Amino acid sequence: MTKKERIAFVIKTLKDKYPVIPIPLDHKDAYTLLIAVLLSAQCTDVRVNKITPVLFAKADNPYDMIKMSVEEIKAIIRPCGLSPMKSKGIHGLSEILIEKYNGEVPQSFEALEALPAVGHKTASVVMSQAFGFSAFPVDTHIHRLMYRWNLTNGKNVVQTERDAKRIFPEEVWNDLHLQIIWYGREFSPARGWKMENDIITKTVGRKSVLNAYYKKNPIV
């Protein structure tokens, strides 16, 4: 397969498997999505989705959030990890949204990334899922799969995002990054990986990845 054919195969396979794409993090608007994505750093989406109903029952908008103390927020979100940093970020960004944006989440990468505890990946998810802007948020899972599929030699998520945006058509970015996440969870996880279930890696995978897999799991 040429690289162009491999890219087309990945896009078609993911579209066929996930024609309707679930959103991993439960939310009802841009603000609750922003908070959920912030909480998801080094935490599973499943756990975040258990914590956010408790938090949002008390505060699902910046005005109610700043009525809570940082310590109160921290106590609720502790199971998500990094709670000291995340609680300060949630309280701080809520204050800024009120002071600068009338309580609304700004529709700008630059403005979002200027908020406390909000990095490029969080901003990209919000811009993509809340506002429909073209973005390709890359986390460690997408980074791993892009490498497995021989679509990037990136050493980090920044380089992998750059490669993803270069090789995939912009009109599929918003769907594709979610489809890759779901595919990775279902068929190509970091652990407990079975090649017979992973049609994409089996078909277009990096030779060194395939060789290493079959060395550990020889075909009988």
N, C-alpha and C. Protein backbone atom coordinates (compact mmCIF):
# COMPACT_ATOMS: atom_id res chain seq x y z
N MET A 1 0.84 -1.21 0.00
CA MET A 1 0.00 0.00 0.00
C MET A 1 0.87 1.25 0.00
N THR A 2 0.47 2.23 -0.81
CA THR A 2 1.13 3.53 -0.72
C THR A 2 0.62 4.25 0.52
N LYS A 3 1.31 5.32 0.91
CA LYS A 3 0.86 6.07 2.08
C LYS A 3 -0.54 6.63 1.85
N LYS A 4 -0.79 7.11 0.64
CA LYS A 4 -2.11 7.65 0.31
C LYS A 4 -3.19 6.58 0.47
N GLU A 5 -2.89 5.36 0.05
CA GLU A 5 -3.85 4.26 0.18
C GLU A 5 -4.06 3.88 1.65
N ARG A 6 -2.98 3.92 2.44
CA ARG A 6 -3.10 3.60 3.86
C ARG A 6 -3.98 4.63 4.58
N ILE A 7 -3.79 5.90 4.24
CA ILE A 7 -4.60 6.96 4.85
C ILE A 7 -6.07 6.76 4.48
N ALA A 8 -6.34 6.47 3.21
CA ALA A 8 -7.72 6.26 2.77
C ALA A 8 -8.34 5.05 3.47
N PHE A 9 -7.54 3.99 3.68
CA PHE A 9 -8.02 2.79 4.37
C PHE A 9 -8.40 3.11 5.81
N VAL A 10 -7.56 3.88 6.49
CA VAL A 10 -7.84 4.26 7.88
C VAL A 10 -9.13 5.05 7.97
N ILE A 11 -9.28 6.06 7.11
CA ILE A 11 -10.47 6.91 7.13
C ILE A 11 -11.73 6.07 6.87
N LYS A 12 -11.69 5.23 5.84
CA LYS A 12 -12.87 4.42 5.49
C LYS A 12 -13.22 3.42 6.59
N THR A 13 -12.20 2.75 7.13
CA THR A 13 -12.45 1.75 8.18
C THR A 13 -13.09 2.39 9.40
N LEU A 14 -12.57 3.53 9.80
CA LEU A 14 -13.11 4.21 10.98
C LEU A 14 -14.52 4.73 10.72
N LYS A 15 -14.76 5.23 9.52
CA LYS A 15 -16.10 5.71 9.19
C LYS A 15 -17.10 4.56 9.17
N ASP A 16 -16.68 3.41 8.65
CA ASP A 16 -17.57 2.24 8.61
C ASP A 16 -17.88 1.72 10.01
N LYS A 17 -16.88 1.73 10.89
CA LYS A 17 -17.07 1.20 12.24
C LYS A 17 -17.82 2.18 13.14
N TYR A 18 -17.65 3.47 12.90
CA TYR A 18 -18.26 4.48 13.78
C TYR A 18 -18.98 5.55 12.95
N PRO A 19 -20.06 5.16 12.26
CA PRO A 19 -20.81 6.16 11.47
C PRO A 19 -21.48 7.20 12.37
N VAL A 20 -21.89 6.76 13.55
CA VAL A 20 -22.42 7.67 14.58
C VAL A 20 -21.41 7.65 15.72
N ILE A 21 -20.90 8.82 16.07
CA ILE A 21 -19.76 8.87 17.00
C ILE A 21 -20.21 9.39 18.36
N PRO A 22 -20.14 8.57 19.39
CA PRO A 22 -20.47 9.05 20.73
C PRO A 22 -19.43 10.06 21.21
N ILE A 23 -19.87 11.02 22.01
CA ILE A 23 -18.94 11.96 22.64
C ILE A 23 -18.51 11.34 23.97
N PRO A 24 -17.20 11.19 24.19
CA PRO A 24 -16.74 10.46 25.39
C PRO A 24 -17.11 11.10 26.72
N LEU A 25 -17.11 12.43 26.78
CA LEU A 25 -17.35 13.13 28.04
C LEU A 25 -18.76 13.71 28.08
N ASP A 26 -19.51 13.38 29.13
CA ASP A 26 -20.87 13.89 29.28
C ASP A 26 -20.84 15.39 29.57
N HIS A 27 -21.67 16.14 28.86
CA HIS A 27 -21.75 17.59 29.08
C HIS A 27 -23.04 18.10 28.45
N LYS A 28 -23.40 19.34 28.78
CA LYS A 28 -24.62 19.90 28.20
C LYS A 28 -24.37 21.21 27.46
N ASP A 29 -23.19 21.80 27.64
CA ASP A 29 -22.86 23.04 26.97
C ASP A 29 -21.34 23.23 26.97
N ALA A 30 -20.89 24.36 26.42
CA ALA A 30 -19.45 24.58 26.29
C ALA A 30 -18.75 24.64 27.64
N TYR A 31 -19.40 25.23 28.64
CA TYR A 31 -18.76 25.34 29.96
C TYR A 31 -18.58 23.97 30.61
N THR A 32 -19.63 23.17 30.61
CA THR A 32 -19.50 21.85 31.25
C THR A 32 -18.54 20.95 30.47
N LEU A 33 -18.46 21.13 29.15
CA LEU A 33 -17.47 20.38 28.37
C LEU A 33 -16.06 20.82 28.76
N LEU A 34 -15.85 22.13 28.87
CA LEU A 34 -14.54 22.65 29.25
C LEU A 34 -14.09 22.07 30.58
N ILE A 35 -14.97 22.05 31.56
CA ILE A 35 -14.63 21.51 32.88
C ILE A 35 -14.35 20.01 32.79
N ALA A 36 -15.17 19.30 32.04
CA ALA A 36 -14.99 17.84 31.91
C ALA A 36 -13.66 17.51 31.25
N VAL A 37 -13.31 18.25 30.20
CA VAL A 37 -12.04 17.98 29.51
C VAL A 37 -10.86 18.31 30.43
N LEU A 38 -10.96 19.40 31.16
CA LEU A 38 -9.92 19.75 32.12
C LEU A 38 -9.72 18.62 33.14
N LEU A 39 -10.82 18.08 33.62
CA LEU A 39 -10.74 17.00 34.61
C LEU A 39 -10.16 15.71 34.03
N SER A 40 -10.26 15.54 32.71
CA SER A 40 -9.86 14.27 32.09
C SER A 40 -8.35 14.10 31.97
N ALA A 41 -7.59 15.15 32.26
CA ALA A 41 -6.13 15.03 32.21
C ALA A 41 -5.66 13.97 33.21
N GLN A 42 -4.99 12.94 32.71
CA GLN A 42 -4.49 11.83 33.53
C GLN A 42 -5.61 11.16 34.33
N CYS A 43 -6.80 11.13 33.74
CA CYS A 43 -7.94 10.47 34.37
C CYS A 43 -8.80 9.87 33.27
N THR A 44 -9.43 8.74 33.52
CA THR A 44 -10.26 8.11 32.50
C THR A 44 -11.57 8.88 32.32
N ASP A 45 -12.10 8.81 31.10
CA ASP A 45 -13.39 9.44 30.83
C ASP A 45 -14.49 8.83 31.69
N VAL A 46 -14.40 7.53 31.94
CA VAL A 46 -15.41 6.86 32.77
C VAL A 46 -15.46 7.48 34.16
N ARG A 47 -14.30 7.71 34.73
CA ARG A 47 -14.26 8.31 36.07
C ARG A 47 -14.75 9.75 36.04
N VAL A 48 -14.33 10.50 35.03
CA VAL A 48 -14.79 11.89 34.92
C VAL A 48 -16.32 11.93 34.86
N ASN A 49 -16.91 11.03 34.08
CA ASN A 49 -18.37 11.00 33.93
C ASN A 49 -19.09 10.60 35.21
N LYS A 50 -18.37 10.02 36.16
CA LYS A 50 -18.95 9.73 37.47
C LYS A 50 -18.85 10.94 38.41
N ILE A 51 -17.82 11.75 38.20
CA ILE A 51 -17.56 12.90 39.08
C ILE A 51 -18.35 14.14 38.66
N THR A 52 -18.45 14.38 37.35
CA THR A 52 -19.08 15.63 36.90
C THR A 52 -20.54 15.78 37.32
N PRO A 53 -21.36 14.72 37.37
CA PRO A 53 -22.73 14.94 37.85
C PRO A 53 -22.77 15.48 39.28
N VAL A 54 -21.84 15.04 40.11
CA VAL A 54 -21.78 15.53 41.49
C VAL A 54 -21.38 17.00 41.51
N LEU A 55 -20.35 17.33 40.73
CA LEU A 55 -19.88 18.72 40.67
C LEU A 55 -20.94 19.62 40.04
N PHE A 56 -21.52 19.19 38.93
CA PHE A 56 -22.47 20.05 38.21
C PHE A 56 -23.81 20.18 38.93
N ALA A 57 -24.11 19.26 39.82
CA ALA A 57 -25.31 19.42 40.65
C ALA A 57 -25.18 20.64 41.56
N LYS A 58 -23.96 20.97 41.91
CA LYS A 58 -23.70 22.15 42.74
C LYS A 58 -23.40 23.38 41.91
N ALA A 59 -22.73 23.17 40.76
CA ALA A 59 -22.33 24.31 39.94
C ALA A 59 -22.09 23.85 38.51
N ASP A 60 -22.98 24.26 37.60
CA ASP A 60 -22.80 23.91 36.20
C ASP A 60 -22.62 25.15 35.33
N ASN A 61 -22.24 26.25 35.98
CA ASN A 61 -21.96 27.50 35.28
C ASN A 61 -20.94 28.27 36.11
N PRO A 62 -20.24 29.22 35.49
CA PRO A 62 -19.17 29.90 36.23
C PRO A 62 -19.67 30.71 37.43
N TYR A 63 -20.88 31.24 37.36
CA TYR A 63 -21.40 32.05 38.47
C TYR A 63 -21.59 31.21 39.73
N ASP A 64 -22.12 30.01 39.57
CA ASP A 64 -22.28 29.13 40.73
C ASP A 64 -20.94 28.53 41.16
N MET A 65 -20.05 28.32 40.18
CA MET A 65 -18.77 27.70 40.51
C MET A 65 -17.94 28.60 41.43
N ILE A 66 -17.97 29.91 41.20
CA ILE A 66 -17.14 30.78 42.04
C ILE A 66 -17.73 30.97 43.44
N LYS A 67 -18.99 30.54 43.62
CA LYS A 67 -19.56 30.58 44.97
C LYS A 67 -18.97 29.46 45.84
N MET A 68 -18.43 28.45 45.18
CA MET A 68 -17.77 27.37 45.90
C MET A 68 -16.31 27.75 46.16
N SER A 69 -15.76 27.25 47.23
CA SER A 69 -14.34 27.48 47.50
C SER A 69 -13.51 26.48 46.70
N VAL A 70 -12.23 26.81 46.53
CA VAL A 70 -11.32 25.88 45.87
C VAL A 70 -11.29 24.54 46.61
N GLU A 71 -11.34 24.61 47.93
CA GLU A 71 -11.31 23.38 48.74
C GLU A 71 -12.55 22.53 48.51
N GLU A 72 -13.71 23.17 48.36
CA GLU A 72 -14.94 22.41 48.09
C GLU A 72 -14.86 21.71 46.74
N ILE A 73 -14.36 22.44 45.75
CA ILE A 73 -14.21 21.85 44.41
C ILE A 73 -13.22 20.68 44.48
N LYS A 74 -12.12 20.91 45.18
CA LYS A 74 -11.07 19.88 45.28
C LYS A 74 -11.60 18.61 45.91
N ALA A 75 -12.43 18.74 46.93
CA ALA A 75 -12.98 17.56 47.62
C ALA A 75 -13.83 16.72 46.68
N ILE A 76 -14.57 17.38 45.79
CA ILE A 76 -15.45 16.65 44.86
C ILE A 76 -14.64 15.96 43.76
N ILE A 77 -13.64 16.66 43.23
CA ILE A 77 -12.94 16.14 42.06
C ILE A 77 -11.71 15.30 42.42
N ARG A 78 -11.45 15.11 43.71
CA ARG A 78 -10.24 14.38 44.13
C ARG A 78 -10.05 13.04 43.41
N PRO A 79 -11.11 12.24 43.19
CA PRO A 79 -10.90 10.95 42.52
C PRO A 79 -10.32 11.06 41.11
N CYS A 80 -10.41 12.25 40.50
CA CYS A 80 -9.86 12.43 39.15
C CYS A 80 -8.36 12.64 39.14
N GLY A 81 -7.76 12.87 40.31
CA GLY A 81 -6.33 13.11 40.36
C GLY A 81 -5.98 14.56 40.06
N LEU A 82 -4.79 14.96 40.48
CA LEU A 82 -4.30 16.34 40.27
C LEU A 82 -5.30 17.37 40.78
N SER A 83 -6.03 17.03 41.85
CA SER A 83 -7.12 17.90 42.30
C SER A 83 -6.67 19.27 42.79
N PRO A 84 -5.48 19.44 43.39
CA PRO A 84 -5.09 20.81 43.78
C PRO A 84 -4.97 21.74 42.58
N MET A 85 -4.32 21.27 41.53
CA MET A 85 -4.15 22.10 40.33
C MET A 85 -5.47 22.28 39.59
N LYS A 86 -6.23 21.21 39.44
CA LYS A 86 -7.48 21.29 38.69
C LYS A 86 -8.51 22.16 39.40
N SER A 87 -8.61 22.07 40.72
CA SER A 87 -9.60 22.87 41.45
C SER A 87 -9.28 24.36 41.36
N LYS A 88 -8.00 24.71 41.47
CA LYS A 88 -7.60 26.11 41.30
C LYS A 88 -7.90 26.59 39.89
N GLY A 89 -7.63 25.71 38.91
CA GLY A 89 -7.89 26.07 37.53
C GLY A 89 -9.37 26.29 37.26
N ILE A 90 -10.21 25.41 37.77
CA ILE A 90 -11.66 25.53 37.56
C ILE A 90 -12.19 26.82 38.18
N HIS A 91 -11.76 27.10 39.41
CA HIS A 91 -12.22 28.32 40.08
C HIS A 91 -11.68 29.55 39.36
N GLY A 92 -10.40 29.51 39.01
CA GLY A 92 -9.78 30.66 38.36
C GLY A 92 -10.34 30.95 36.99
N LEU A 93 -10.55 29.93 36.18
CA LEU A 93 -11.08 30.18 34.84
C LEU A 93 -12.53 30.65 34.91
N SER A 94 -13.26 30.18 35.92
CA SER A 94 -14.65 30.63 36.08
C SER A 94 -14.70 32.12 36.38
N GLU A 95 -13.79 32.59 37.22
CA GLU A 95 -13.70 34.03 37.51
C GLU A 95 -13.40 34.82 36.25
N ILE A 96 -12.46 34.33 35.45
CA ILE A 96 -12.08 35.04 34.22
C ILE A 96 -13.23 35.05 33.22
N LEU A 97 -13.94 33.95 33.09
CA LEU A 97 -15.08 33.91 32.16
C LEU A 97 -16.12 34.97 32.52
N ILE A 98 -16.33 35.17 33.82
CA ILE A 98 -17.29 36.19 34.27
C ILE A 98 -16.74 37.59 34.02
N GLU A 99 -15.48 37.80 34.38
CA GLU A 99 -14.87 39.13 34.28
C GLU A 99 -14.68 39.58 32.83
N LYS A 100 -14.28 38.66 31.95
CA LYS A 100 -13.90 39.05 30.59
C LYS A 100 -14.90 38.65 29.51
N TYR A 101 -15.72 37.63 29.77
CA TYR A 101 -16.54 37.08 28.69
C TYR A 101 -18.02 36.94 29.06
N ASN A 102 -18.47 37.71 30.05
CA ASN A 102 -19.88 37.67 30.46
C ASN A 102 -20.36 36.26 30.80
N GLY A 103 -19.46 35.47 31.35
CA GLY A 103 -19.82 34.12 31.77
C GLY A 103 -19.85 33.09 30.66
N GLU A 104 -19.49 33.51 29.44
CA GLU A 104 -19.51 32.60 28.30
C GLU A 104 -18.11 32.04 28.03
N VAL A 105 -18.04 30.88 27.42
CA VAL A 105 -16.76 30.30 27.01
C VAL A 105 -16.37 30.92 25.67
N PRO A 106 -15.18 31.52 25.58
CA PRO A 106 -14.79 32.18 24.33
C PRO A 106 -14.56 31.19 23.20
N GLN A 107 -14.89 31.61 21.99
CA GLN A 107 -14.72 30.75 20.82
C GLN A 107 -13.42 31.09 20.11
N SER A 108 -12.33 30.92 20.82
CA SER A 108 -11.01 31.27 20.31
C SER A 108 -9.96 30.38 20.95
N PHE A 109 -9.09 29.80 20.14
CA PHE A 109 -8.00 28.98 20.68
C PHE A 109 -7.14 29.81 21.62
N GLU A 110 -6.79 31.01 21.18
CA GLU A 110 -5.91 31.87 21.97
C GLU A 110 -6.52 32.21 23.33
N ALA A 111 -7.80 32.58 23.33
CA ALA A 111 -8.47 32.95 24.59
C ALA A 111 -8.61 31.74 25.51
N LEU A 112 -8.94 30.59 24.95
CA LEU A 112 -9.08 29.39 25.77
C LEU A 112 -7.75 28.98 26.39
N GLU A 113 -6.69 29.00 25.59
CA GLU A 113 -5.39 28.56 26.08
C GLU A 113 -4.80 29.54 27.10
N ALA A 114 -5.36 30.74 27.18
CA ALA A 114 -4.91 31.71 28.18
C ALA A 114 -5.57 31.47 29.54
N LEU A 115 -6.61 30.62 29.57
CA LEU A 115 -7.30 30.34 30.83
C LEU A 115 -6.46 29.41 31.71
N PRO A 116 -6.58 29.53 33.03
CA PRO A 116 -5.84 28.66 33.94
C PRO A 116 -6.14 27.18 33.69
N ALA A 117 -5.09 26.36 33.67
CA ALA A 117 -5.19 24.89 33.57
C ALA A 117 -5.73 24.42 32.22
N VAL A 118 -5.83 25.32 31.24
CA VAL A 118 -6.32 24.94 29.91
C VAL A 118 -5.15 24.94 28.93
N GLY A 119 -4.83 23.77 28.40
CA GLY A 119 -3.77 23.65 27.41
C GLY A 119 -4.33 23.52 26.01
N HIS A 120 -3.44 23.26 25.07
CA HIS A 120 -3.84 23.22 23.66
C HIS A 120 -4.84 22.09 23.38
N LYS A 121 -4.61 20.92 24.00
CA LYS A 121 -5.51 19.79 23.73
C LYS A 121 -6.92 20.09 24.25
N THR A 122 -7.02 20.63 25.47
CA THR A 122 -8.33 20.98 26.03
C THR A 122 -9.03 22.01 25.15
N ALA A 123 -8.28 23.04 24.74
CA ALA A 123 -8.86 24.07 23.87
C ALA A 123 -9.33 23.47 22.56
N SER A 124 -8.56 22.55 22.01
CA SER A 124 -8.93 21.92 20.73
C SER A 124 -10.21 21.11 20.85
N VAL A 125 -10.36 20.38 21.95
CA VAL A 125 -11.59 19.59 22.15
C VAL A 125 -12.80 20.50 22.24
N VAL A 126 -12.68 21.58 23.00
CA VAL A 126 -13.80 22.51 23.17
C VAL A 126 -14.14 23.18 21.84
N MET A 127 -13.12 23.65 21.13
CA MET A 127 -13.37 24.32 19.85
C MET A 127 -14.02 23.37 18.85
N SER A 128 -13.61 22.11 18.89
CA SER A 128 -14.16 21.12 17.96
C SER A 128 -15.56 20.68 18.36
N GLN A 129 -15.72 20.22 19.59
CA GLN A 129 -16.98 19.57 20.00
C GLN A 129 -18.06 20.56 20.42
N ALA A 130 -17.67 21.70 20.97
CA ALA A 130 -18.67 22.68 21.42
C ALA A 130 -19.03 23.67 20.32
N PHE A 131 -18.02 24.04 19.50
CA PHE A 131 -18.25 25.13 18.55
C PHE A 131 -18.11 24.72 17.08
N GLY A 132 -17.67 23.48 16.82
CA GLY A 132 -17.61 23.01 15.44
C GLY A 132 -16.44 23.50 14.63
N PHE A 133 -15.44 24.11 15.28
CA PHE A 133 -14.24 24.54 14.56
C PHE A 133 -13.40 23.31 14.21
N SER A 134 -12.68 23.39 13.11
CA SER A 134 -11.80 22.29 12.73
C SER A 134 -10.63 22.20 13.70
N ALA A 135 -10.46 21.03 14.29
CA ALA A 135 -9.35 20.80 15.21
C ALA A 135 -9.05 19.31 15.23
N PHE A 136 -7.84 18.97 15.62
CA PHE A 136 -7.47 17.56 15.72
C PHE A 136 -6.74 17.35 17.05
N PRO A 137 -7.50 17.30 18.15
CA PRO A 137 -6.87 17.12 19.46
C PRO A 137 -6.17 15.76 19.53
N VAL A 138 -4.91 15.77 19.89
CA VAL A 138 -4.14 14.52 19.99
C VAL A 138 -3.75 14.27 21.43
N ASP A 139 -4.18 13.13 21.96
CA ASP A 139 -3.74 12.72 23.29
C ASP A 139 -2.77 11.55 23.14
N THR A 140 -2.35 10.98 24.25
CA THR A 140 -1.35 9.91 24.17
C THR A 140 -1.89 8.68 23.44
N HIS A 141 -3.20 8.46 23.48
CA HIS A 141 -3.79 7.30 22.81
C HIS A 141 -3.76 7.47 21.29
N ILE A 142 -4.14 8.65 20.81
CA ILE A 142 -4.07 8.92 19.37
C ILE A 142 -2.62 8.89 18.91
N HIS A 143 -1.74 9.45 19.72
CA HIS A 143 -0.30 9.44 19.41
C HIS A 143 0.19 8.00 19.23
N ARG A 144 -0.22 7.11 20.13
CA ARG A 144 0.20 5.71 20.06
C ARG A 144 -0.30 5.04 18.77
N LEU A 145 -1.56 5.29 18.42
CA LEU A 145 -2.13 4.64 17.24
C LEU A 145 -1.55 5.20 15.95
N MET A 146 -1.35 6.50 15.91
CA MET A 146 -0.74 7.10 14.71
C MET A 146 0.64 6.51 14.46
N TYR A 147 1.37 6.23 15.55
CA TYR A 147 2.68 5.60 15.40
C TYR A 147 2.53 4.14 14.97
N ARG A 148 1.63 3.42 15.61
CA ARG A 148 1.39 2.01 15.23
C ARG A 148 1.04 1.89 13.75
N TRP A 149 0.27 2.84 13.26
CA TRP A 149 -0.20 2.79 11.87
C TRP A 149 0.79 3.38 10.89
N ASN A 150 1.98 3.73 11.39
CA ASN A 150 3.05 4.25 10.53
C ASN A 150 2.63 5.54 9.82
N LEU A 151 1.86 6.37 10.52
CA LEU A 151 1.41 7.64 9.96
C LEU A 151 2.15 8.82 10.56
N THR A 152 3.01 8.57 11.53
CA THR A 152 3.82 9.64 12.12
C THR A 152 5.08 9.03 12.72
N ASN A 153 6.12 9.84 12.73
CA ASN A 153 7.33 9.51 13.48
C ASN A 153 7.48 10.48 14.65
N GLY A 154 6.39 11.18 14.95
CA GLY A 154 6.42 12.20 16.00
C GLY A 154 6.85 11.63 17.34
N LYS A 155 7.68 12.38 18.03
CA LYS A 155 8.16 11.97 19.36
C LYS A 155 7.21 12.39 20.47
N ASN A 156 6.25 13.26 20.14
CA ASN A 156 5.31 13.75 21.15
C ASN A 156 4.00 14.11 20.48
N VAL A 157 3.01 14.50 21.30
CA VAL A 157 1.67 14.77 20.75
C VAL A 157 1.66 16.00 19.85
N VAL A 158 2.55 16.94 20.10
CA VAL A 158 2.60 18.16 19.27
C VAL A 158 3.00 17.80 17.85
N GLN A 159 4.05 17.00 17.72
CA GLN A 159 4.50 16.59 16.39
C GLN A 159 3.48 15.70 15.70
N THR A 160 2.84 14.83 16.48
CA THR A 160 1.84 13.93 15.90
C THR A 160 0.62 14.71 15.42
N GLU A 161 0.20 15.73 16.18
CA GLU A 161 -0.92 16.57 15.73
C GLU A 161 -0.57 17.26 14.41
N ARG A 162 0.65 17.74 14.30
CA ARG A 162 1.08 18.41 13.07
C ARG A 162 0.99 17.44 11.89
N ASP A 163 1.45 16.21 12.10
CA ASP A 163 1.38 15.21 11.03
C ASP A 163 -0.06 14.86 10.68
N ALA A 164 -0.91 14.69 11.70
CA ALA A 164 -2.31 14.34 11.46
C ALA A 164 -3.00 15.41 10.62
N LYS A 165 -2.75 16.67 10.94
CA LYS A 165 -3.38 17.76 10.20
C LYS A 165 -2.85 17.85 8.77
N ARG A 166 -1.64 17.40 8.58
CA ARG A 166 -1.04 17.44 7.25
C ARG A 166 -1.57 16.32 6.36
N ILE A 167 -1.79 15.13 6.92
CA ILE A 167 -2.13 13.99 6.07
C ILE A 167 -3.64 13.74 5.93
N PHE A 168 -4.42 14.17 6.92
CA PHE A 168 -5.87 13.94 6.85
C PHE A 168 -6.58 15.19 6.34
N PRO A 169 -7.59 15.05 5.49
CA PRO A 169 -8.36 16.21 5.02
C PRO A 169 -9.04 16.92 6.20
N GLU A 170 -9.04 18.24 6.17
CA GLU A 170 -9.57 19.01 7.29
C GLU A 170 -11.03 18.69 7.59
N GLU A 171 -11.78 18.33 6.56
CA GLU A 171 -13.22 18.09 6.78
C GLU A 171 -13.48 16.84 7.62
N VAL A 172 -12.48 15.98 7.82
CA VAL A 172 -12.71 14.79 8.65
C VAL A 172 -12.07 14.90 10.03
N TRP A 173 -11.34 15.98 10.31
CA TRP A 173 -10.61 16.09 11.58
C TRP A 173 -11.51 15.86 12.80
N ASN A 174 -12.63 16.59 12.85
CA ASN A 174 -13.45 16.56 14.06
C ASN A 174 -14.02 15.17 14.35
N ASP A 175 -14.42 14.47 13.30
CA ASP A 175 -14.91 13.10 13.48
C ASP A 175 -13.76 12.13 13.72
N LEU A 176 -12.71 12.29 12.96
CA LEU A 176 -11.65 11.28 12.95
C LEU A 176 -10.94 11.15 14.29
N HIS A 177 -10.69 12.26 14.96
CA HIS A 177 -9.96 12.13 16.24
C HIS A 177 -10.79 11.35 17.26
N LEU A 178 -12.12 11.52 17.21
CA LEU A 178 -12.99 10.74 18.10
C LEU A 178 -13.06 9.28 17.67
N GLN A 179 -13.14 9.05 16.36
CA GLN A 179 -13.19 7.67 15.86
C GLN A 179 -11.92 6.91 16.24
N ILE A 180 -10.77 7.58 16.18
CA ILE A 180 -9.51 6.93 16.56
C ILE A 180 -9.53 6.57 18.04
N ILE A 181 -10.05 7.47 18.87
CA ILE A 181 -10.13 7.19 20.32
C ILE A 181 -10.97 5.95 20.57
N TRP A 182 -12.16 5.89 19.96
CA TRP A 182 -13.04 4.74 20.18
C TRP A 182 -12.43 3.45 19.62
N TYR A 183 -11.81 3.55 18.46
CA TYR A 183 -11.18 2.36 17.87
C TYR A 183 -10.06 1.85 18.78
N GLY A 184 -9.26 2.76 19.31
CA GLY A 184 -8.17 2.35 20.19
C GLY A 184 -8.68 1.63 21.42
N ARG A 185 -9.75 2.13 22.01
CA ARG A 185 -10.32 1.50 23.20
C ARG A 185 -10.86 0.10 22.89
N GLU A 186 -11.49 -0.02 21.72
CA GLU A 186 -12.17 -1.27 21.40
C GLU A 186 -11.25 -2.32 20.78
N PHE A 187 -10.34 -1.88 19.91
CA PHE A 187 -9.56 -2.84 19.12
C PHE A 187 -8.04 -2.74 19.27
N SER A 188 -7.53 -1.61 19.74
CA SER A 188 -6.07 -1.43 19.74
C SER A 188 -5.58 -0.75 21.01
N PRO A 189 -5.87 -1.34 22.17
CA PRO A 189 -5.46 -0.72 23.44
C PRO A 189 -3.96 -0.88 23.67
N ALA A 190 -3.46 -0.15 24.65
CA ALA A 190 -2.04 -0.25 24.98
C ALA A 190 -1.72 -1.62 25.58
N ARG A 191 -2.66 -2.16 26.35
CA ARG A 191 -2.46 -3.47 26.98
C ARG A 191 -3.59 -4.43 26.56
N GLY A 192 -3.28 -5.72 26.60
CA GLY A 192 -4.29 -6.70 26.23
C GLY A 192 -4.69 -6.63 24.78
N TRP A 193 -3.71 -6.33 23.95
CA TRP A 193 -3.94 -6.06 22.53
C TRP A 193 -3.94 -7.37 21.74
N LYS A 194 -4.97 -7.60 20.92
CA LYS A 194 -5.04 -8.80 20.09
C LYS A 194 -5.08 -8.38 18.62
N MET A 195 -4.02 -8.73 17.90
CA MET A 195 -3.89 -8.28 16.51
C MET A 195 -5.05 -8.76 15.64
N GLU A 196 -5.59 -9.96 15.94
CA GLU A 196 -6.67 -10.47 15.09
C GLU A 196 -7.91 -9.58 15.13
N ASN A 197 -8.04 -8.77 16.18
CA ASN A 197 -9.18 -7.86 16.28
C ASN A 197 -8.88 -6.48 15.69
N ASP A 198 -7.60 -6.23 15.42
CA ASP A 198 -7.15 -4.88 15.05
C ASP A 198 -6.86 -4.82 13.56
N ILE A 199 -7.92 -4.67 12.76
CA ILE A 199 -7.80 -4.72 11.30
C ILE A 199 -6.91 -3.60 10.76
N ILE A 200 -6.92 -2.44 11.40
CA ILE A 200 -6.13 -1.33 10.86
C ILE A 200 -4.64 -1.60 11.04
N THR A 201 -4.22 -1.93 12.27
CA THR A 201 -2.80 -2.20 12.49
C THR A 201 -2.35 -3.40 11.68
N LYS A 202 -3.19 -4.42 11.60
CA LYS A 202 -2.85 -5.63 10.84
C LYS A 202 -2.63 -5.31 9.37
N THR A 203 -3.36 -4.30 8.87
CA THR A 203 -3.31 -3.98 7.44
C THR A 203 -2.25 -2.94 7.11
N VAL A 204 -2.12 -1.91 7.95
CA VAL A 204 -1.22 -0.80 7.60
C VAL A 204 -0.13 -0.56 8.64
N GLY A 205 -0.03 -1.44 9.63
CA GLY A 205 0.86 -1.18 10.75
C GLY A 205 2.33 -1.07 10.39
N ARG A 206 3.04 -0.34 11.22
CA ARG A 206 4.49 -0.18 11.10
C ARG A 206 5.14 -1.57 11.21
N LYS A 207 6.09 -1.84 10.34
CA LYS A 207 6.71 -3.17 10.30
C LYS A 207 7.34 -3.55 11.63
N SER A 208 8.01 -2.60 12.27
CA SER A 208 8.67 -2.91 13.54
C SER A 208 7.65 -3.24 14.63
N VAL A 209 6.48 -2.59 14.58
CA VAL A 209 5.41 -2.87 15.55
C VAL A 209 4.85 -4.27 15.31
N LEU A 210 4.61 -4.61 14.04
CA LEU A 210 4.08 -5.93 13.71
C LEU A 210 5.08 -7.03 14.09
N ASN A 211 6.35 -6.81 13.77
CA ASN A 211 7.37 -7.81 14.10
C ASN A 211 7.47 -8.03 15.60
N ALA A 212 7.43 -6.94 16.37
CA ALA A 212 7.53 -7.05 17.83
C ALA A 212 6.32 -7.79 18.39
N TYR A 213 5.14 -7.51 17.82
CA TYR A 213 3.92 -8.18 18.30
C TYR A 213 4.01 -9.68 18.04
N TYR A 214 4.36 -10.06 16.81
CA TYR A 214 4.36 -11.49 16.46
C TYR A 214 5.52 -12.24 17.11
N LYS A 215 6.55 -11.52 17.49
CA LYS A 215 7.63 -12.16 18.25
C LYS A 215 7.14 -12.57 19.63
N LYS A 216 6.31 -11.70 20.24
CA LYS A 216 5.74 -12.00 21.56
C LYS A 216 4.54 -12.95 21.45
N ASN A 217 3.86 -12.88 20.31
CA ASN A 217 2.64 -13.68 20.12
C ASN A 217 2.74 -14.47 18.81
N PRO A 218 3.61 -15.47 18.76
CA PRO A 218 3.82 -16.20 17.50
C PRO A 218 2.56 -16.90 17.02
N ILE A 219 2.39 -16.89 15.71
CA ILE A 219 1.24 -17.59 15.11
C ILE A 219 1.52 -19.08 15.14
N VAL A 220 0.62 -19.82 15.74
CA VAL A 220 0.81 -21.27 15.88
C VAL A 220 0.28 -21.98 14.63
